[in-house]
């Protein structure tokens, strides 16, 4: 299993509520949703390689 690292940060209440709704709609935890959003952004900007499926 891949070892993960904790990451903590603060967000405005509106952003947290929107994130919770998005995670629920995608049937994910908030943590998993944040990871998905970060991964998509970083791939789009070229900081991470594109996946084979893209």
C-alpha atoms as a PDB file:
ATOM      1  CA  UNK A   1       0.000   0.000   0.000  1.00  0.00           C
ATOM      2  CA  UNK A   2       1.224   3.489  -0.841  1.00  0.00           C
ATOM      3  CA  UNK A   3       2.080   5.627   2.157  1.00  0.00           C
ATOM      4  CA  UNK A   4       0.136   8.887   2.167  1.00  0.00           C
ATOM      5  CA  UNK A   5       0.963  12.128   3.934  1.00  0.00           C
ATOM      6  CA  UNK A   6      -1.489  14.263   5.910  1.00  0.00           C
ATOM      7  CA  UNK A   7      -2.139  17.793   4.699  1.00  0.00           C
ATOM      8  CA  UNK A   8      -4.147  20.323   6.690  1.00  0.00           C
ATOM      9  CA  UNK A   9      -5.428  23.709   5.595  1.00  0.00           C
ATOM     10  CA  UNK A  10      -8.247  26.145   6.309  1.00  0.00           C
ATOM     11  CA  UNK A  11     -11.009  27.172   3.908  1.00  0.00           C
ATOM     12  CA  UNK A  12     -13.987  29.508   4.018  1.00  0.00           C
ATOM     13  CA  UNK A  13     -17.232  27.902   5.237  1.00  0.00           C
ATOM     14  CA  UNK A  14     -18.882  28.281   1.807  1.00  0.00           C
ATOM     15  CA  UNK A  15     -16.020  26.424   0.132  1.00  0.00           C
ATOM     16  CA  UNK A  16     -16.201  23.614   2.690  1.00  0.00           C
ATOM     17  CA  UNK A  17     -19.956  23.256   2.214  1.00  0.00           C
ATOM     18  CA  UNK A  18     -19.589  23.151  -1.581  1.00  0.00           C
ATOM     19  CA  UNK A  19     -16.808  20.581  -1.271  1.00  0.00           C
ATOM     20  CA  UNK A  20     -18.946  18.413   0.999  1.00  0.00           C
ATOM     21  CA  UNK A  21     -21.844  18.555  -1.488  1.00  0.00           C
ATOM     22  CA  UNK A  22     -19.552  17.701  -4.407  1.00  0.00           C
ATOM     23  CA  UNK A  23     -18.024  14.789  -2.492  1.00  0.00           C
ATOM     24  CA  UNK A  24     -21.463  13.447  -1.601  1.00  0.00           C
ATOM     25  CA  UNK A  25     -22.672  13.751  -5.198  1.00  0.00           C
ATOM     26  CA  UNK A  26     -19.560  11.858  -6.377  1.00  0.00           C
ATOM     27  CA  UNK A  27     -19.966   9.272  -3.567  1.00  0.00           C
ATOM     28  CA  UNK A  28     -16.546  10.151  -2.125  1.00  0.00           C
ATOM     29  CA  UNK A  29     -15.138  11.317   1.161  1.00  0.00           C
ATOM     30  CA  UNK A  30     -14.131  14.972   1.359  1.00  0.00           C
ATOM     31  CA  UNK A  31     -10.491  13.877   1.507  1.00  0.00           C
ATOM     32  CA  UNK A  32     -10.879  11.787  -1.639  1.00  0.00           C
ATOM     33  CA  UNK A  33     -12.635  14.668  -3.416  1.00  0.00           C
ATOM     34  CA  UNK A  34      -9.842  17.094  -2.525  1.00  0.00           C
ATOM     35  CA  UNK A  35      -7.276  14.609  -3.832  1.00  0.00           C
ATOM     36  CA  UNK A  36      -9.253  14.200  -7.085  1.00  0.00           C
ATOM     37  CA  UNK A  37      -9.550  17.966  -7.597  1.00  0.00           C
ATOM     38  CA  UNK A  38      -5.859  18.545  -6.859  1.00  0.00           C
ATOM     39  CA  UNK A  39      -4.805  15.724  -9.167  1.00  0.00           C
ATOM     40  CA  UNK A  40      -6.971  17.024 -12.018  1.00  0.00           C
ATOM     41  CA  UNK A  41      -5.635  20.565 -11.587  1.00  0.00           C
ATOM     42  CA  UNK A  42      -1.993  19.499 -11.363  1.00  0.00           C
ATOM     43  CA  UNK A  43      -2.294  17.242 -14.432  1.00  0.00           C
ATOM     44  CA  UNK A  44      -4.033  19.999 -16.386  1.00  0.00           C
ATOM     45  CA  UNK A  45      -1.249  22.467 -15.524  1.00  0.00           C
ATOM     46  CA  UNK A  46       1.541  19.988 -16.339  1.00  0.00           C
ATOM     47  CA  UNK A  47       2.817  19.431 -12.789  1.00  0.00           C
ATOM     48  CA  UNK A  48       1.820  15.752 -12.932  1.00  0.00           C
ATOM     49  CA  UNK A  49       2.003  13.501 -15.978  1.00  0.00           C
ATOM     50  CA  UNK A  50      -1.219  12.772 -17.851  1.00  0.00           C
ATOM     51  CA  UNK A  51      -2.687   9.364 -17.058  1.00  0.00           C
ATOM     52  CA  UNK A  52      -2.743   6.658 -19.733  1.00  0.00           C
ATOM     53  CA  UNK A  53      -6.538   6.983 -20.003  1.00  0.00           C
ATOM     54  CA  UNK A  54      -6.336  10.625 -21.115  1.00  0.00           C
END
